[in-house]
Amino acid sequence: MDPTGIQIAGALGGLGFPEILVIALIAIVLFGGKKIGDVGKGLGEGIRNFKTALKEDDEKKREGEVK
């Protein structure tokens, strides 16, 4: 079962939209828009690489079970 937005907010310690908006604005002021984009790009690439590694690991396990 996928968590809903309310459950995720509870896991984050009750951060609501206004609090997240303030945090985002502070990050933009401190780092600038270009730097935020670079961080987002790097985070996305890292997540993609992690998923790829998990898939490869699962495929190796399945190959080991078939043999």
N, C-alpha and C. Protein backbone atom coordinates (compact mmCIF):
# COMPACT_ATOMS: atom_id res chain seq x y z
N MET A 1 0.85 -1.18 0.00
CA MET A 1 0.00 0.00 0.00
C MET A 1 0.89 1.24 0.00
N ASP A 2 0.69 2.11 -0.94
CA ASP A 2 1.47 3.33 -1.03
C ASP A 2 0.99 4.35 -0.01
N PRO A 3 1.92 5.05 0.62
CA PRO A 3 1.51 6.06 1.60
C PRO A 3 0.85 7.24 0.91
N THR A 4 -0.12 7.80 1.58
CA THR A 4 -0.78 8.98 1.05
C THR A 4 -0.01 10.22 1.50
N GLY A 5 -0.40 11.36 0.99
CA GLY A 5 0.27 12.60 1.35
C GLY A 5 0.22 12.88 2.84
N ILE A 6 -0.89 12.53 3.47
CA ILE A 6 -1.04 12.77 4.91
C ILE A 6 -0.07 11.89 5.68
N GLN A 7 0.08 10.63 5.26
CA GLN A 7 1.00 9.73 5.96
C GLN A 7 2.44 10.18 5.79
N ILE A 8 2.79 10.67 4.61
CA ILE A 8 4.15 11.15 4.38
C ILE A 8 4.41 12.37 5.24
N ALA A 9 3.45 13.27 5.32
CA ALA A 9 3.61 14.47 6.14
C ALA A 9 3.80 14.09 7.60
N GLY A 10 3.12 13.05 8.04
CA GLY A 10 3.29 12.58 9.42
C GLY A 10 4.69 12.03 9.64
N ALA A 11 5.24 11.37 8.63
CA ALA A 11 6.59 10.82 8.74
C ALA A 11 7.64 11.93 8.77
N LEU A 12 7.32 13.07 8.18
CA LEU A 12 8.26 14.19 8.14
C LEU A 12 8.13 15.09 9.37
N GLY A 13 7.43 14.65 10.38
CA GLY A 13 7.30 15.43 11.58
C GLY A 13 6.24 16.51 11.48
N GLY A 14 5.26 16.33 10.63
CA GLY A 14 4.17 17.28 10.52
C GLY A 14 4.48 18.49 9.68
N LEU A 15 5.44 18.39 8.76
CA LEU A 15 5.73 19.51 7.87
C LEU A 15 4.58 19.66 6.89
N GLY A 16 4.02 20.83 6.85
CA GLY A 16 2.95 21.12 5.92
C GLY A 16 3.47 21.89 4.73
N PHE A 17 2.55 22.26 3.85
CA PHE A 17 2.92 23.00 2.65
C PHE A 17 3.60 24.33 2.97
N PRO A 18 3.08 25.12 3.92
CA PRO A 18 3.74 26.41 4.20
C PRO A 18 5.19 26.24 4.68
N GLU A 19 5.43 25.23 5.51
CA GLU A 19 6.79 25.03 6.02
C GLU A 19 7.73 24.60 4.90
N ILE A 20 7.26 23.70 4.03
CA ILE A 20 8.08 23.25 2.91
C ILE A 20 8.36 24.40 1.95
N LEU A 21 7.37 25.26 1.74
CA LEU A 21 7.54 26.43 0.88
C LEU A 21 8.60 27.37 1.43
N VAL A 22 8.59 27.61 2.73
CA VAL A 22 9.59 28.48 3.36
C VAL A 22 10.98 27.87 3.21
N ILE A 23 11.10 26.57 3.43
CA ILE A 23 12.39 25.90 3.29
C ILE A 23 12.90 26.02 1.85
N ALA A 24 12.00 25.83 0.87
CA ALA A 24 12.39 25.93 -0.53
C ALA A 24 12.84 27.35 -0.87
N LEU A 25 12.13 28.34 -0.39
CA LEU A 25 12.53 29.74 -0.65
C LEU A 25 13.89 30.07 -0.04
N ILE A 26 14.13 29.58 1.16
CA ILE A 26 15.43 29.82 1.80
C ILE A 26 16.54 29.15 1.00
N ALA A 27 16.29 27.94 0.51
CA ALA A 27 17.30 27.23 -0.29
C ALA A 27 17.59 27.99 -1.58
N ILE A 28 16.56 28.53 -2.21
CA ILE A 28 16.76 29.29 -3.45
C ILE A 28 17.55 30.56 -3.18
N VAL A 29 17.27 31.23 -2.08
CA VAL A 29 18.00 32.45 -1.74
C VAL A 29 19.46 32.14 -1.44
N LEU A 30 19.71 31.06 -0.71
CA LEU A 30 21.08 30.72 -0.32
C LEU A 30 21.91 30.21 -1.49
N PHE A 31 21.33 29.34 -2.32
CA PHE A 31 22.11 28.67 -3.35
C PHE A 31 21.87 29.20 -4.76
N GLY A 32 20.77 29.86 -4.98
CA GLY A 32 20.45 30.34 -6.32
C GLY A 32 19.76 29.28 -7.14
N GLY A 33 19.02 29.71 -8.14
CA GLY A 33 18.22 28.80 -8.95
C GLY A 33 19.05 27.79 -9.72
N LYS A 34 20.19 28.21 -10.27
CA LYS A 34 21.02 27.30 -11.07
C LYS A 34 21.58 26.17 -10.21
N LYS A 35 22.05 26.52 -9.04
CA LYS A 35 22.63 25.51 -8.16
C LYS A 35 21.58 24.51 -7.70
N ILE A 36 20.37 24.98 -7.44
CA ILE A 36 19.28 24.08 -7.03
C ILE A 36 18.98 23.09 -8.16
N GLY A 37 18.98 23.57 -9.41
CA GLY A 37 18.77 22.69 -10.55
C GLY A 37 19.84 21.62 -10.66
N ASP A 38 21.08 22.02 -10.42
CA ASP A 38 22.19 21.06 -10.47
C ASP A 38 22.04 20.00 -9.38
N VAL A 39 21.63 20.43 -8.20
CA VAL A 39 21.43 19.49 -7.09
C VAL A 39 20.30 18.52 -7.43
N GLY A 40 19.21 19.03 -7.99
CA GLY A 40 18.10 18.16 -8.38
C GLY A 40 18.50 17.17 -9.44
N LYS A 41 19.29 17.63 -10.40
CA LYS A 41 19.76 16.74 -11.47
C LYS A 41 20.64 15.63 -10.89
N GLY A 42 21.54 16.01 -10.01
CA GLY A 42 22.42 15.01 -9.38
C GLY A 42 21.65 14.01 -8.55
N LEU A 43 20.64 14.49 -7.84
CA LEU A 43 19.81 13.61 -7.02
C LEU A 43 19.04 12.63 -7.90
N GLY A 44 18.50 13.12 -9.00
CA GLY A 44 17.78 12.25 -9.93
C GLY A 44 18.67 11.19 -10.54
N GLU A 45 19.88 11.57 -10.93
CA GLU A 45 20.83 10.60 -11.50
C GLU A 45 21.22 9.56 -10.46
N GLY A 46 21.40 9.99 -9.22
CA GLY A 46 21.75 9.05 -8.16
C GLY A 46 20.65 8.03 -7.91
N ILE A 47 19.40 8.49 -7.90
CA ILE A 47 18.27 7.59 -7.70
C ILE A 47 18.17 6.61 -8.88
N ARG A 48 18.35 7.11 -10.10
CA ARG A 48 18.29 6.26 -11.29
C ARG A 48 19.38 5.18 -11.22
N ASN A 49 20.60 5.56 -10.85
CA ASN A 49 21.69 4.59 -10.74
C ASN A 49 21.40 3.55 -9.66
N PHE A 50 20.82 3.98 -8.56
CA PHE A 50 20.48 3.06 -7.48
C PHE A 50 19.45 2.04 -7.94
N LYS A 51 18.41 2.49 -8.65
CA LYS A 51 17.40 1.57 -9.16
C LYS A 51 17.99 0.58 -10.15
N THR A 52 18.88 1.07 -11.02
CA THR A 52 19.53 0.20 -12.00
C THR A 52 20.34 -0.88 -11.29
N ALA A 53 21.06 -0.49 -10.25
CA ALA A 53 21.87 -1.46 -9.50
C ALA A 53 20.98 -2.50 -8.82
N LEU A 54 19.84 -2.08 -8.30
CA LEU A 54 18.93 -3.04 -7.67
C LEU A 54 18.39 -4.04 -8.69
N LYS A 55 18.04 -3.55 -9.89
CA LYS A 55 17.53 -4.44 -10.93
C LYS A 55 18.59 -5.45 -11.35
N GLU A 56 19.83 -4.99 -11.51
CA GLU A 56 20.92 -5.88 -11.89
C GLU A 56 21.15 -6.95 -10.83
N ASP A 57 21.05 -6.56 -9.56
CA ASP A 57 21.24 -7.50 -8.46
C ASP A 57 20.14 -8.55 -8.47
N ASP A 58 18.90 -8.12 -8.71
CA ASP A 58 17.79 -9.07 -8.79
C ASP A 58 17.96 -10.04 -9.95
N GLU A 59 18.42 -9.54 -11.10
CA GLU A 59 18.63 -10.40 -12.25
C GLU A 59 19.72 -11.43 -11.98
N LYS A 60 20.77 -11.03 -11.28
CA LYS A 60 21.84 -11.98 -10.95
C LYS A 60 21.31 -13.06 -10.01
N LYS A 61 20.47 -12.69 -9.06
CA LYS A 61 19.90 -13.67 -8.14
C LYS A 61 19.02 -14.66 -8.88
N ARG A 62 18.22 -14.15 -9.84
CA ARG A 62 17.35 -15.04 -10.61
C ARG A 62 18.17 -15.99 -11.48
N GLU A 63 19.25 -15.50 -12.07
CA GLU A 63 20.11 -16.36 -12.87
C GLU A 63 20.73 -17.44 -12.02
N GLY A 64 21.08 -17.12 -10.79
CA GLY A 64 21.64 -18.10 -9.88
C GLY A 64 20.64 -19.16 -9.48
N GLU A 65 19.36 -18.79 -9.38
CA GLU A 65 18.32 -19.75 -9.01
C GLU A 65 17.99 -20.69 -10.16
N VAL A 66 18.09 -20.19 -11.40
CA VAL A 66 17.74 -21.00 -12.57
C VAL A 66 18.78 -22.08 -12.79
N LYS A 67 20.04 -21.79 -12.56
CA LYS A 67 21.13 -22.74 -12.83
C LYS A 67 21.13 -23.90 -11.91
